[in-house]
């Protein structure tokens, strides 16, 4: 018989650096799962992606067990890394802070394709360009 789903929690955590301190602890402890087991498994599965933010979609079952799926890093993180920025522009319509090429946008779209609702790579590229525009990054 299938287990009953109690909750689904999505967290954005630095790869290999999960610990039971806030924000992870309070978000998961209220559902009654073993925090150390989650942290150890997450750190083991993301040990090859150190330095990235890796979102995890955690499905918590009524018996206290859990499973989680790793997603691709946030689009803004990938754009900042490709453009070599610390942060986006505070006024993206006035101050442009970076520049991306169409090839860099295509590479980001290929990484994000599994998590986007785009039909093809061209649609995914348009979504990435929109995010870049809202961060003050130009695309040529």
N, C-alpha and C. Protein backbone atom coordinates (compact mmCIF):
# COMPACT_ATOMS: atom_id res chain seq x y z
N UNK A 1 0.84 -1.18 0.00
CA UNK A 1 0.00 0.00 0.00
C UNK A 1 0.88 1.25 0.00
N UNK A 2 0.46 2.26 -0.73
CA UNK A 2 1.24 3.49 -0.85
C UNK A 2 1.16 4.29 0.45
N UNK A 3 2.26 4.98 0.74
CA UNK A 3 2.30 5.82 1.93
C UNK A 3 1.49 7.09 1.69
N UNK A 4 0.93 7.63 2.77
CA UNK A 4 0.15 8.85 2.68
C UNK A 4 1.07 10.06 2.79
N UNK A 5 0.97 10.98 1.84
CA UNK A 5 1.80 12.18 1.83
C UNK A 5 1.27 13.17 2.86
N UNK A 6 2.17 13.61 3.74
CA UNK A 6 1.81 14.56 4.78
C UNK A 6 2.06 15.99 4.31
N UNK A 7 3.19 16.23 3.66
CA UNK A 7 3.54 17.58 3.19
C UNK A 7 4.60 17.50 2.11
N UNK A 8 4.65 18.55 1.30
CA UNK A 8 5.72 18.72 0.32
C UNK A 8 6.36 20.08 0.60
N UNK A 9 7.66 20.06 0.88
CA UNK A 9 8.39 21.28 1.25
C UNK A 9 9.50 21.49 0.23
N UNK A 10 9.65 22.72 -0.24
CA UNK A 10 10.73 23.06 -1.17
C UNK A 10 11.69 24.01 -0.48
N UNK A 11 12.97 23.65 -0.47
CA UNK A 11 14.01 24.47 0.15
C UNK A 11 15.14 24.72 -0.84
N UNK A 12 15.74 25.91 -0.78
CA UNK A 12 16.92 26.21 -1.57
C UNK A 12 18.11 26.23 -0.61
N UNK A 13 19.01 25.27 -0.79
CA UNK A 13 20.11 25.06 0.14
C UNK A 13 21.43 25.07 -0.63
N UNK A 14 22.48 25.61 -0.02
CA UNK A 14 23.81 25.52 -0.63
C UNK A 14 24.24 24.06 -0.67
N UNK A 15 24.78 23.64 -1.80
CA UNK A 15 25.17 22.24 -1.99
C UNK A 15 26.22 21.83 -0.97
N UNK A 16 26.00 20.70 -0.32
CA UNK A 16 26.95 20.15 0.63
C UNK A 16 27.00 20.86 1.96
N UNK A 17 26.11 21.81 2.22
CA UNK A 17 26.17 22.59 3.45
C UNK A 17 24.86 22.55 4.24
N UNK A 18 24.10 21.49 4.09
CA UNK A 18 22.84 21.39 4.85
C UNK A 18 23.15 21.04 6.30
N UNK A 19 22.50 21.73 7.23
CA UNK A 19 22.61 21.42 8.66
C UNK A 19 21.27 21.71 9.31
N UNK A 20 21.02 21.17 10.51
CA UNK A 20 19.70 21.33 11.11
C UNK A 20 19.39 22.73 11.67
N UNK A 21 20.28 23.67 11.50
CA UNK A 21 20.04 25.04 11.95
C UNK A 21 19.04 25.71 11.01
N UNK A 22 18.49 26.85 11.43
CA UNK A 22 17.57 27.57 10.54
C UNK A 22 18.26 27.89 9.22
N UNK A 23 17.59 27.90 8.12
CA UNK A 23 16.16 27.75 7.89
C UNK A 23 15.70 26.31 7.70
N UNK A 24 16.61 25.36 7.60
CA UNK A 24 16.23 23.97 7.32
C UNK A 24 15.51 23.34 8.51
N UNK A 25 16.06 23.49 9.69
CA UNK A 25 15.51 22.86 10.88
C UNK A 25 14.05 23.20 11.13
N UNK A 26 13.70 24.47 11.27
CA UNK A 26 12.30 24.81 11.54
C UNK A 26 11.35 24.39 10.42
N UNK A 27 11.81 24.44 9.18
CA UNK A 27 10.93 24.09 8.06
C UNK A 27 10.58 22.61 8.05
N UNK A 28 11.53 21.76 8.46
CA UNK A 28 11.30 20.32 8.40
C UNK A 28 10.90 19.71 9.74
N UNK A 29 11.34 20.26 10.85
CA UNK A 29 11.07 19.67 12.16
C UNK A 29 9.58 19.68 12.48
N UNK A 30 8.85 20.66 12.01
CA UNK A 30 7.43 20.72 12.29
C UNK A 30 6.67 19.56 11.66
N UNK A 31 7.29 18.89 10.67
CA UNK A 31 6.66 17.74 10.03
C UNK A 31 7.13 16.42 10.62
N UNK A 32 8.07 16.48 11.57
CA UNK A 32 8.49 15.30 12.31
C UNK A 32 9.42 14.36 11.58
N UNK A 33 10.34 14.88 10.76
CA UNK A 33 11.29 13.99 10.10
C UNK A 33 12.64 14.07 10.82
N UNK A 34 13.48 13.10 10.56
CA UNK A 34 14.81 13.05 11.14
C UNK A 34 15.70 14.05 10.38
N UNK A 35 16.02 15.16 11.02
CA UNK A 35 16.78 16.22 10.38
C UNK A 35 18.19 15.79 9.99
N UNK A 36 18.85 15.07 10.87
CA UNK A 36 20.23 14.64 10.58
C UNK A 36 20.27 13.68 9.40
N UNK A 37 19.28 12.81 9.30
CA UNK A 37 19.24 11.88 8.16
C UNK A 37 19.08 12.65 6.86
N UNK A 38 18.20 13.66 6.86
CA UNK A 38 18.02 14.48 5.66
C UNK A 38 19.30 15.22 5.32
N UNK A 39 19.92 15.86 6.31
CA UNK A 39 21.13 16.65 6.06
C UNK A 39 22.26 15.78 5.51
N UNK A 40 22.46 14.60 6.08
CA UNK A 40 23.52 13.71 5.61
C UNK A 40 23.26 13.24 4.18
N UNK A 41 22.02 12.87 3.88
CA UNK A 41 21.70 12.40 2.53
C UNK A 41 21.81 13.53 1.51
N UNK A 42 21.32 14.72 1.87
CA UNK A 42 21.41 15.88 0.97
C UNK A 42 22.87 16.22 0.69
N UNK A 43 23.69 16.28 1.74
CA UNK A 43 25.10 16.62 1.57
C UNK A 43 25.82 15.58 0.72
N UNK A 44 25.48 14.30 0.89
CA UNK A 44 26.11 13.26 0.10
C UNK A 44 25.73 13.37 -1.38
N UNK A 45 24.46 13.66 -1.66
CA UNK A 45 24.00 13.74 -3.04
C UNK A 45 24.45 15.02 -3.75
N UNK A 46 24.78 16.06 -3.00
CA UNK A 46 25.20 17.32 -3.62
C UNK A 46 26.69 17.60 -3.45
N UNK A 47 27.46 16.63 -3.00
CA UNK A 47 28.88 16.86 -2.73
C UNK A 47 29.67 17.21 -3.99
N UNK A 48 29.17 16.85 -5.17
CA UNK A 48 29.87 17.17 -6.41
C UNK A 48 29.50 18.55 -6.95
N UNK A 49 28.54 19.22 -6.32
CA UNK A 49 28.05 20.51 -6.82
C UNK A 49 28.32 21.64 -5.82
N UNK A 50 29.42 21.57 -5.08
CA UNK A 50 29.76 22.57 -4.07
C UNK A 50 29.82 23.96 -4.71
N UNK A 51 29.25 24.95 -4.03
CA UNK A 51 29.24 26.32 -4.53
C UNK A 51 27.95 26.70 -5.23
N UNK A 52 27.09 25.73 -5.51
CA UNK A 52 25.81 26.00 -6.16
C UNK A 52 24.69 26.01 -5.13
N UNK A 53 23.60 26.67 -5.46
CA UNK A 53 22.38 26.57 -4.68
C UNK A 53 21.55 25.50 -5.35
N UNK A 54 21.23 24.43 -4.62
CA UNK A 54 20.49 23.31 -5.20
C UNK A 54 19.16 23.17 -4.47
N UNK A 55 18.05 23.53 -5.13
CA UNK A 55 16.74 23.36 -4.50
C UNK A 55 16.40 21.88 -4.34
N UNK A 56 15.73 21.56 -3.25
CA UNK A 56 15.27 20.20 -2.99
C UNK A 56 13.77 20.24 -2.73
N UNK A 57 13.04 19.35 -3.41
CA UNK A 57 11.61 19.21 -3.17
C UNK A 57 11.43 17.97 -2.31
N UNK A 58 11.09 18.18 -1.04
CA UNK A 58 11.04 17.11 -0.05
C UNK A 58 9.59 16.67 0.14
N UNK A 59 9.34 15.39 -0.10
CA UNK A 59 8.01 14.82 0.13
C UNK A 59 8.07 14.10 1.47
N UNK A 60 7.22 14.53 2.42
CA UNK A 60 7.21 13.96 3.77
C UNK A 60 5.96 13.11 3.90
N UNK A 61 6.15 11.86 4.37
CA UNK A 61 5.04 10.93 4.52
C UNK A 61 4.55 10.92 5.96
N UNK A 62 3.34 10.41 6.17
CA UNK A 62 2.71 10.45 7.49
C UNK A 62 3.46 9.60 8.52
N UNK A 63 4.26 8.62 8.10
CA UNK A 63 5.00 7.80 9.05
C UNK A 63 6.35 8.41 9.43
N UNK A 64 6.65 9.63 8.95
CA UNK A 64 7.89 10.30 9.30
C UNK A 64 9.01 10.08 8.31
N UNK A 65 8.81 9.23 7.32
CA UNK A 65 9.83 9.02 6.29
C UNK A 65 9.73 10.13 5.25
N UNK A 66 10.73 10.22 4.40
CA UNK A 66 10.75 11.28 3.39
C UNK A 66 11.54 10.81 2.18
N UNK A 67 11.32 11.51 1.08
CA UNK A 67 12.16 11.37 -0.11
C UNK A 67 12.29 12.76 -0.70
N UNK A 68 13.37 12.99 -1.44
CA UNK A 68 13.52 14.32 -2.03
C UNK A 68 14.12 14.24 -3.41
N UNK A 69 13.77 15.24 -4.20
CA UNK A 69 14.23 15.36 -5.58
C UNK A 69 15.06 16.64 -5.66
N UNK A 70 16.22 16.54 -6.28
CA UNK A 70 17.07 17.71 -6.48
C UNK A 70 16.69 18.39 -7.78
N UNK A 71 16.56 19.69 -7.75
CA UNK A 71 16.21 20.49 -8.92
C UNK A 71 17.45 21.21 -9.43
N UNK A 72 17.31 21.90 -10.56
CA UNK A 72 18.42 22.68 -11.09
C UNK A 72 18.52 24.01 -10.32
N UNK A 73 19.70 24.62 -10.28
CA UNK A 73 19.88 25.88 -9.54
C UNK A 73 18.94 26.96 -10.06
N UNK A 74 18.63 27.96 -9.24
CA UNK A 74 17.76 29.06 -9.69
C UNK A 74 18.36 29.80 -10.88
N UNK A 75 17.50 30.28 -11.75
CA UNK A 75 17.93 30.98 -12.95
C UNK A 75 18.79 32.19 -12.62
N UNK A 76 18.39 32.96 -11.60
CA UNK A 76 19.15 34.16 -11.23
C UNK A 76 20.57 33.78 -10.80
N UNK A 77 20.73 32.67 -10.09
CA UNK A 77 22.06 32.21 -9.69
C UNK A 77 22.92 31.89 -10.91
N UNK A 78 22.34 31.18 -11.89
CA UNK A 78 23.08 30.81 -13.10
C UNK A 78 23.45 32.04 -13.92
N UNK A 79 22.55 33.01 -13.99
CA UNK A 79 22.85 34.25 -14.74
C UNK A 79 23.97 35.02 -14.06
N UNK A 80 23.89 35.17 -12.73
CA UNK A 80 24.95 35.88 -12.01
C UNK A 80 26.29 35.19 -12.21
N UNK A 81 26.32 33.85 -12.16
CA UNK A 81 27.58 33.13 -12.34
C UNK A 81 28.13 33.31 -13.75
N UNK A 82 27.26 33.24 -14.77
CA UNK A 82 27.71 33.38 -16.16
C UNK A 82 28.19 34.79 -16.46
N UNK A 83 27.54 35.80 -15.86
CA UNK A 83 27.93 37.19 -16.11
C UNK A 83 29.03 37.67 -15.16
N UNK A 84 29.36 36.87 -14.15
CA UNK A 84 30.40 37.25 -13.20
C UNK A 84 29.96 38.35 -12.26
N UNK A 85 28.70 38.30 -11.82
CA UNK A 85 28.15 39.34 -10.95
C UNK A 85 27.94 38.81 -9.53
N UNK A 86 27.98 39.74 -8.56
CA UNK A 86 27.63 39.40 -7.19
C UNK A 86 26.14 39.49 -6.97
N UNK A 87 25.50 40.46 -7.64
CA UNK A 87 24.06 40.66 -7.51
C UNK A 87 23.54 41.38 -8.74
N UNK A 88 22.22 41.39 -8.89
CA UNK A 88 21.60 42.09 -10.00
C UNK A 88 21.51 43.58 -9.72
N UNK A 89 20.95 44.31 -10.66
CA UNK A 89 20.80 45.76 -10.54
C UNK A 89 19.62 46.10 -9.64
N UNK A 90 19.77 47.16 -8.85
CA UNK A 90 18.66 47.62 -8.03
C UNK A 90 17.63 48.38 -8.87
N UNK A 91 18.06 48.91 -10.00
CA UNK A 91 17.17 49.58 -10.95
C UNK A 91 17.43 49.02 -12.34
N UNK A 92 16.87 47.84 -12.66
CA UNK A 92 17.22 47.17 -13.91
C UNK A 92 16.83 47.93 -15.17
N UNK A 93 15.83 48.81 -15.08
CA UNK A 93 15.46 49.57 -16.28
C UNK A 93 16.41 50.74 -16.56
N UNK A 94 17.20 51.14 -15.57
CA UNK A 94 18.13 52.25 -15.74
C UNK A 94 19.59 51.81 -15.73
N UNK A 95 19.96 51.00 -14.76
CA UNK A 95 21.36 50.61 -14.58
C UNK A 95 21.57 49.17 -15.06
N UNK A 96 22.36 49.01 -16.10
CA UNK A 96 22.70 47.68 -16.60
C UNK A 96 24.02 47.26 -15.94
N UNK A 97 24.02 46.07 -15.35
CA UNK A 97 25.19 45.66 -14.57
C UNK A 97 26.01 44.55 -15.23
N UNK A 98 25.48 43.92 -16.28
CA UNK A 98 26.21 42.82 -16.87
C UNK A 98 25.77 42.57 -18.30
N UNK A 99 26.41 41.56 -18.89
CA UNK A 99 26.16 41.24 -20.29
C UNK A 99 26.27 39.72 -20.48
N UNK A 100 25.34 39.14 -21.23
CA UNK A 100 25.38 37.73 -21.60
C UNK A 100 25.30 37.60 -23.11
N UNK A 101 25.94 36.57 -23.65
CA UNK A 101 25.81 36.27 -25.08
C UNK A 101 24.67 35.28 -25.27
N UNK A 102 24.22 35.12 -26.51
CA UNK A 102 23.15 34.16 -26.81
C UNK A 102 23.62 32.73 -26.48
N UNK A 103 24.90 32.45 -26.66
CA UNK A 103 25.43 31.11 -26.34
C UNK A 103 25.34 30.83 -24.84
N UNK A 104 25.66 31.83 -24.02
CA UNK A 104 25.55 31.65 -22.56
C UNK A 104 24.09 31.43 -22.16
N UNK A 105 23.17 32.17 -22.79
CA UNK A 105 21.75 31.99 -22.50
C UNK A 105 21.31 30.58 -22.89
N UNK A 106 21.80 30.08 -24.02
CA UNK A 106 21.46 28.71 -24.46
C UNK A 106 21.97 27.67 -23.46
N UNK A 107 23.19 27.86 -22.95
CA UNK A 107 23.75 26.92 -21.97
C UNK A 107 22.92 26.91 -20.68
N UNK A 108 22.50 28.10 -20.22
CA UNK A 108 21.66 28.18 -19.02
C UNK A 108 20.32 27.51 -19.28
N UNK A 109 19.74 27.74 -20.47
CA UNK A 109 18.46 27.14 -20.81
C UNK A 109 18.55 25.62 -20.86
N UNK A 110 19.66 25.08 -21.33
CA UNK A 110 19.84 23.62 -21.37
C UNK A 110 19.91 23.04 -19.96
N UNK A 111 20.54 23.76 -19.04
CA UNK A 111 20.61 23.30 -17.65
C UNK A 111 19.23 23.34 -17.00
N UNK A 112 18.47 24.42 -17.26
CA UNK A 112 17.17 24.63 -16.62
C UNK A 112 16.01 23.93 -17.33
N UNK A 113 16.21 23.37 -18.50
CA UNK A 113 15.13 22.87 -19.34
C UNK A 113 14.21 21.88 -18.61
N UNK A 114 14.75 21.01 -17.79
CA UNK A 114 13.92 20.00 -17.11
C UNK A 114 12.97 20.62 -16.09
N UNK A 115 13.29 21.80 -15.57
CA UNK A 115 12.45 22.44 -14.55
C UNK A 115 11.58 23.57 -15.10
N UNK A 116 11.70 23.88 -16.38
CA UNK A 116 10.90 24.96 -16.96
C UNK A 116 9.67 24.38 -17.65
N UNK A 117 8.68 25.22 -17.89
CA UNK A 117 7.49 24.77 -18.59
C UNK A 117 7.53 25.14 -20.06
N UNK A 118 8.72 25.20 -20.63
CA UNK A 118 8.89 25.53 -22.04
C UNK A 118 8.81 24.27 -22.90
N UNK A 119 8.31 24.43 -24.11
CA UNK A 119 8.17 23.30 -25.02
C UNK A 119 9.50 22.96 -25.67
N UNK A 120 10.25 23.98 -26.06
CA UNK A 120 11.53 23.74 -26.73
C UNK A 120 12.59 24.68 -26.15
N UNK A 121 13.80 24.53 -26.65
CA UNK A 121 14.93 25.29 -26.11
C UNK A 121 14.79 26.79 -26.41
N UNK A 122 14.15 27.13 -27.52
CA UNK A 122 13.95 28.55 -27.86
C UNK A 122 13.03 29.23 -26.84
N UNK A 123 11.96 28.55 -26.45
CA UNK A 123 11.06 29.09 -25.43
C UNK A 123 11.76 29.24 -24.09
N UNK A 124 12.61 28.27 -23.76
CA UNK A 124 13.37 28.34 -22.51
C UNK A 124 14.35 29.51 -22.55
N UNK A 125 14.95 29.75 -23.70
CA UNK A 125 15.88 30.88 -23.84
C UNK A 125 15.16 32.20 -23.63
N UNK A 126 13.91 32.31 -24.12
CA UNK A 126 13.14 33.54 -23.92
C UNK A 126 12.86 33.77 -22.43
N UNK A 127 12.57 32.70 -21.69
CA UNK A 127 12.34 32.83 -20.26
C UNK A 127 13.61 33.28 -19.54
N UNK A 128 14.75 32.72 -19.92
CA UNK A 128 16.03 33.09 -19.32
C UNK A 128 16.35 34.55 -19.62
N UNK A 129 16.11 34.98 -20.87
CA UNK A 129 16.36 36.37 -21.25
C UNK A 129 15.48 37.32 -20.44
N UNK A 130 14.24 36.95 -20.19
CA UNK A 130 13.35 37.78 -19.38
C UNK A 130 13.86 37.94 -17.96
N UNK A 131 14.36 36.86 -17.38
CA UNK A 131 14.92 36.93 -16.03
C UNK A 131 16.17 37.82 -16.03
N UNK A 132 17.01 37.66 -17.06
CA UNK A 132 18.22 38.48 -17.15
C UNK A 132 17.85 39.96 -17.27
N UNK A 133 16.84 40.26 -18.08
CA UNK A 133 16.40 41.65 -18.26
C UNK A 133 15.93 42.24 -16.92
N UNK A 134 15.22 41.43 -16.12
CA UNK A 134 14.72 41.94 -14.84
C UNK A 134 15.83 42.08 -13.80
N UNK A 135 17.01 41.53 -14.09
CA UNK A 135 18.16 41.67 -13.21
C UNK A 135 19.09 42.79 -13.66
N UNK A 136 18.81 43.41 -14.81
CA UNK A 136 19.68 44.46 -15.32
C UNK A 136 20.83 43.91 -16.13
N UNK A 137 20.66 42.73 -16.72
CA UNK A 137 21.70 42.11 -17.55
C UNK A 137 21.23 42.14 -18.99
N UNK A 138 22.06 42.64 -19.89
CA UNK A 138 21.69 42.71 -21.31
C UNK A 138 22.09 41.42 -22.01
N UNK A 139 21.35 41.09 -23.07
CA UNK A 139 21.62 39.88 -23.85
C UNK A 139 21.77 40.28 -25.30
N UNK A 140 22.87 39.87 -25.92
CA UNK A 140 23.12 40.14 -27.35
C UNK A 140 23.24 38.84 -28.10
